[in-house]
């Protein structure tokens, strides 16, 4: 697993431009704070480069951390995985408005996806942060990706996913076994890729199948099979 050198942590300035989930200064003494409205306060990510595509949920959320400053301000820091180094500008976008009934601030972890299909390779780590300010009503933080959701139930605090997913970076040339299928006889286990172990959205193209349509999905793994059932080509598209 290689950490992205393109976009590491979103800067505090960028996070402020994307949206602060609550007021940045404490309310005057004796005045009750108004319910937060993250959706109205965020302005969206800065313009992507011409080489990048549209904003898209990242592939996987690994961890959430909330740090509390001495001034009482909380900062959400999320870390996740993208399928290639072509992803840029990771951000945390609030998807619930006002004060949630369950006290959970719901965030979507997204980035600008590559403009086209990406080859297989190791997943890249990206980070994003979002300050949520003084006096917020949130008791928990949930961060969603394209394939999972992770909830931090104590603020401030830290939570992480212990088991990460197979990036299929070494799948080419190995035999593919669909869910419920049987592995070929005499083939070593390390030369077999089981669909149930990938845990991603997988599109399989067999030798006798056409491709009726093409819709870009940068978190979908497309696998092309040879006549003998091996993976002859694959990519994230």
Protein backbone atom coordinates (compact mmCIF):
# COMPACT_ATOMS: atom_id res chain seq x y z
CA UNK A 1 0.00 0.00 0.00
CA UNK A 2 1.51 3.28 -1.15
CA UNK A 3 0.57 6.66 0.16
CA UNK A 4 -0.50 9.16 -2.48
CA UNK A 5 2.08 11.83 -3.20
CA UNK A 6 -0.40 13.85 -5.24
CA UNK A 7 -2.80 14.86 -2.48
CA UNK A 8 -1.95 14.04 1.09
CA UNK A 9 -3.98 15.90 3.68
CA UNK A 10 -6.40 18.55 2.57
CA UNK A 11 -5.16 21.86 3.96
CA UNK A 12 -7.08 23.69 6.64
CA UNK A 13 -7.74 26.53 4.19
CA UNK A 14 -9.24 24.10 1.67
CA UNK A 15 -11.35 22.46 4.33
CA UNK A 16 -12.73 25.81 5.39
CA UNK A 17 -13.58 26.59 1.77
CA UNK A 18 -15.40 23.25 1.48
CA UNK A 19 -17.64 23.87 4.44
CA UNK A 20 -17.59 24.20 8.19
CA UNK A 21 -20.31 22.21 9.87
CA UNK A 22 -20.91 24.78 12.59
CA UNK A 23 -20.05 28.34 13.60
CA UNK A 24 -16.37 29.05 14.06
CA UNK A 25 -16.77 31.24 17.14
CA UNK A 26 -18.66 30.38 20.33
CA UNK A 27 -22.07 32.08 20.66
CA UNK A 28 -22.39 35.12 22.93
CA UNK A 29 -22.92 34.32 26.58
CA UNK A 30 -26.50 33.35 27.32
CA UNK A 31 -27.39 32.80 23.67
CA UNK A 32 -28.22 29.31 22.44
CA UNK A 33 -26.43 28.19 19.25
CA UNK A 34 -28.55 27.67 16.15
CA UNK A 35 -28.72 24.17 14.61
CA UNK A 36 -25.86 23.60 12.16
CA UNK A 37 -26.48 23.30 8.46
CA UNK A 38 -23.36 21.78 6.86
CA UNK A 39 -24.92 21.51 3.43
CA UNK A 40 -25.61 25.23 3.12
CA UNK A 41 -22.21 26.32 4.44
CA UNK A 42 -20.09 24.27 2.06
CA UNK A 43 -19.17 25.65 -1.34
CA UNK A 44 -17.94 22.45 -2.97
CA UNK A 45 -14.41 21.41 -3.93
CA UNK A 46 -12.11 23.72 -5.81
CA UNK A 47 -11.97 23.22 -9.59
CA UNK A 48 -10.28 19.98 -10.61
CA UNK A 49 -7.45 19.88 -13.09
CA UNK A 50 -8.27 19.14 -16.70
CA UNK A 51 -6.77 15.66 -16.30
CA UNK A 52 -9.23 14.64 -13.58
CA UNK A 53 -12.86 13.65 -13.84
CA UNK A 54 -15.96 14.33 -11.77
CA UNK A 55 -16.22 14.06 -7.96
CA UNK A 56 -16.82 10.45 -6.95
CA UNK A 57 -16.95 8.56 -3.63
CA UNK A 58 -13.56 7.07 -2.81
CA UNK A 59 -13.28 3.29 -2.70
CA UNK A 60 -12.87 2.63 1.01
CA UNK A 61 -12.79 4.43 4.37
CA UNK A 62 -9.96 3.19 6.63
CA UNK A 63 -10.17 5.42 9.69
CA UNK A 64 -11.79 8.42 11.36
CA UNK A 65 -10.18 10.62 13.98
CA UNK A 66 -11.63 13.68 15.71
CA UNK A 67 -9.14 16.00 17.39
CA UNK A 68 -10.26 18.66 19.86
CA UNK A 69 -8.21 21.83 20.01
CA UNK A 70 -7.52 23.76 23.22
CA UNK A 71 -10.13 26.25 22.12
CA UNK A 72 -12.80 23.55 21.99
CA UNK A 73 -12.96 23.19 18.24
CA UNK A 74 -13.25 19.69 16.75
CA UNK A 75 -11.53 18.65 13.52
CA UNK A 76 -12.55 15.49 11.66
CA UNK A 77 -9.70 13.66 9.91
CA UNK A 78 -10.59 10.73 7.65
CA UNK A 79 -8.22 8.40 5.84
CA UNK A 80 -9.20 6.17 2.95
CA UNK A 81 -8.16 4.31 -0.17
CA UNK A 82 -8.51 5.17 -3.85
CA UNK A 83 -7.94 2.75 -6.71
CA UNK A 84 -5.18 4.66 -8.49
CA UNK A 85 -2.91 7.68 -8.22
CA UNK A 86 -5.14 9.60 -10.65
CA UNK A 87 -7.53 10.65 -7.86
CA UNK A 88 -7.14 14.24 -6.65
CA UNK A 89 -8.67 16.71 -4.16
CA UNK A 90 -10.12 14.38 -1.49
CA UNK A 91 -12.80 16.09 0.59
CA UNK A 92 -15.37 15.40 3.30
CA UNK A 93 -18.83 16.58 2.27
CA UNK A 94 -21.72 16.77 4.79
CA UNK A 95 -24.81 14.97 3.50
CA UNK A 96 -27.26 15.75 6.31
CA UNK A 97 -28.68 19.17 7.06
CA UNK A 98 -29.41 20.83 10.38
CA UNK A 99 -29.22 19.01 13.69
CA UNK A 100 -29.64 15.25 13.04
CA UNK A 101 -32.16 13.37 15.21
CA UNK A 102 -29.57 10.73 16.11
CA UNK A 103 -26.74 13.21 16.70
CA UNK A 104 -24.61 11.71 13.90
CA UNK A 105 -22.83 13.97 11.43
CA UNK A 106 -22.94 12.06 8.13
CA UNK A 107 -20.08 12.75 5.69
CA UNK A 108 -19.28 11.53 2.19
CA UNK A 109 -15.58 10.97 1.48
CA UNK A 110 -15.08 11.88 -2.15
CA UNK A 111 -12.39 12.99 -4.59
CA UNK A 112 -12.06 13.84 -8.26
CA UNK A 113 -11.72 10.51 -10.04
CA UNK A 114 -9.49 9.91 -13.07
CA UNK A 115 -11.04 11.08 -16.33
CA UNK A 116 -10.76 7.56 -17.80
CA UNK A 117 -10.09 3.95 -16.89
CA UNK A 118 -7.10 3.23 -14.63
CA UNK A 119 -4.85 0.16 -14.75
CA UNK A 120 -4.39 -2.24 -11.86
CA UNK A 121 -1.99 -1.21 -9.13
CA UNK A 122 -1.69 -0.76 -5.41
CA UNK A 123 -4.34 1.33 -3.74
CA UNK A 124 -3.32 4.84 -2.72
CA UNK A 125 -4.02 6.38 0.69
CA UNK A 126 -5.65 9.81 0.88
CA UNK A 127 -6.64 12.01 3.81
CA UNK A 128 -9.23 14.75 4.21
CA UNK A 129 -10.24 16.96 7.12
CA UNK A 130 -13.22 19.07 8.12
CA UNK A 131 -13.45 21.45 11.11
CA UNK A 132 -16.87 21.42 12.82
CA UNK A 133 -16.35 24.23 15.29
CA UNK A 134 -17.55 25.23 18.73
CA UNK A 135 -20.71 24.00 20.40
CA UNK A 136 -21.76 21.52 17.73
CA UNK A 137 -24.50 18.99 18.62
CA UNK A 138 -22.84 15.92 17.12
CA UNK A 139 -22.33 12.84 19.27
CA UNK A 140 -20.85 10.68 16.51
CA UNK A 141 -19.29 10.98 13.07
CA UNK A 142 -20.07 8.68 10.14
CA UNK A 143 -17.95 8.69 6.98
CA UNK A 144 -19.17 6.91 3.86
CA UNK A 145 -17.21 5.76 0.81
CA UNK A 146 -18.30 3.94 -2.32
CA UNK A 147 -17.94 0.51 -0.66
CA UNK A 148 -18.22 0.94 3.11
CA UNK A 149 -19.20 3.23 5.95
CA UNK A 150 -17.40 3.76 9.24
CA UNK A 151 -18.80 5.38 12.39
CA UNK A 152 -16.91 7.02 15.24
CA UNK A 153 -19.23 6.76 18.24
CA UNK A 154 -17.23 8.88 20.67
CA UNK A 155 -16.17 12.46 19.96
CA UNK A 156 -13.29 13.18 20.17
CA UNK A 157 -11.86 9.75 19.44
CA UNK A 158 -10.51 7.33 16.84
CA UNK A 159 -11.78 4.29 14.95
CA UNK A 160 -10.33 2.22 12.13
CA UNK A 161 -11.08 -0.79 9.95
CA UNK A 162 -8.81 -3.70 10.79
CA UNK A 163 -9.30 -5.71 7.60
CA UNK A 164 -8.57 -4.01 4.29
CA UNK A 165 -9.63 -5.27 0.88
CA UNK A 166 -7.67 -7.01 -1.87
CA UNK A 167 -6.58 -4.48 -4.49
CA UNK A 168 -6.15 -7.18 -7.18
CA UNK A 169 -2.86 -5.59 -8.26
CA UNK A 170 -1.42 -9.06 -8.95
CA UNK A 171 -4.48 -10.67 -10.55
CA UNK A 172 -3.33 -10.78 -14.18
CA UNK A 173 -2.63 -14.33 -15.36
CA UNK A 174 -4.40 -16.02 -12.46
CA UNK A 175 -7.49 -18.20 -12.73
CA UNK A 176 -10.78 -16.51 -11.85
CA UNK A 177 -13.42 -18.35 -9.83
CA UNK A 178 -16.88 -16.76 -9.71
CA UNK A 179 -18.99 -16.80 -6.55
CA UNK A 180 -20.24 -20.34 -5.97
CA UNK A 181 -17.83 -21.72 -8.57
CA UNK A 182 -15.21 -24.45 -8.21
CA UNK A 183 -11.51 -23.86 -8.64
CA UNK A 184 -9.78 -25.78 -11.48
CA UNK A 185 -8.16 -29.04 -10.40
CA UNK A 186 -4.41 -29.00 -9.92
CA UNK A 187 -4.11 -25.19 -9.68
CA UNK A 188 -2.25 -23.81 -6.68
CA UNK A 189 -4.26 -21.59 -4.35
CA UNK A 190 -1.94 -18.61 -4.90
CA UNK A 191 -2.72 -18.78 -8.62
CA UNK A 192 -6.48 -18.41 -8.10
CA UNK A 193 -8.56 -15.28 -7.65
CA UNK A 194 -11.94 -15.85 -6.00
CA UNK A 195 -14.63 -13.26 -6.67
CA UNK A 196 -15.83 -13.58 -3.08
CA UNK A 197 -12.41 -12.44 -1.83
CA UNK A 198 -12.35 -9.26 -3.91
CA UNK A 199 -15.26 -7.63 -2.05
CA UNK A 200 -15.57 -4.90 -4.70
CA UNK A 201 -18.09 -4.35 -7.44
CA UNK A 202 -16.76 -6.64 -10.15
CA UNK A 203 -17.72 -6.81 -13.82
CA UNK A 204 -16.59 -10.00 -15.56
CA UNK A 205 -16.32 -10.12 -19.36
CA UNK A 206 -16.11 -13.68 -20.73
CA UNK A 207 -14.65 -14.58 -24.16
CA UNK A 208 -18.11 -15.17 -25.66
CA UNK A 209 -19.70 -11.97 -24.30
CA UNK A 210 -20.13 -8.61 -25.92
CA UNK A 211 -20.13 -5.23 -24.17
CA UNK A 212 -23.61 -3.71 -24.68
CA UNK A 213 -22.83 -0.42 -22.95
CA UNK A 214 -20.07 1.39 -21.14
CA UNK A 215 -20.59 3.56 -18.09
CA UNK A 216 -17.55 4.81 -16.24
CA UNK A 217 -17.34 3.71 -12.60
CA UNK A 218 -13.84 4.29 -11.16
CA UNK A 219 -14.60 2.01 -8.18
CA UNK A 220 -15.67 -0.95 -10.32
CA UNK A 221 -13.15 -3.65 -11.18
CA UNK A 222 -13.59 -4.95 -14.75
CA UNK A 223 -12.03 -8.35 -15.43
CA UNK A 224 -11.54 -9.83 -18.90
CA UNK A 225 -11.21 -13.62 -19.03
CA UNK A 226 -9.31 -15.79 -21.48
CA UNK A 227 -10.68 -19.01 -22.97
CA UNK A 228 -9.13 -21.08 -20.18
CA UNK A 229 -10.57 -18.91 -17.40
CA UNK A 230 -7.54 -16.83 -16.58
CA UNK A 231 -7.59 -13.05 -16.11
CA UNK A 232 -6.12 -11.66 -19.29
CA UNK A 233 -6.81 -7.99 -18.54
CA UNK A 234 -8.35 -5.90 -15.78
CA UNK A 235 -8.77 -2.30 -14.76
CA UNK A 236 -10.77 0.17 -12.71
CA UNK A 237 -13.42 1.71 -14.93
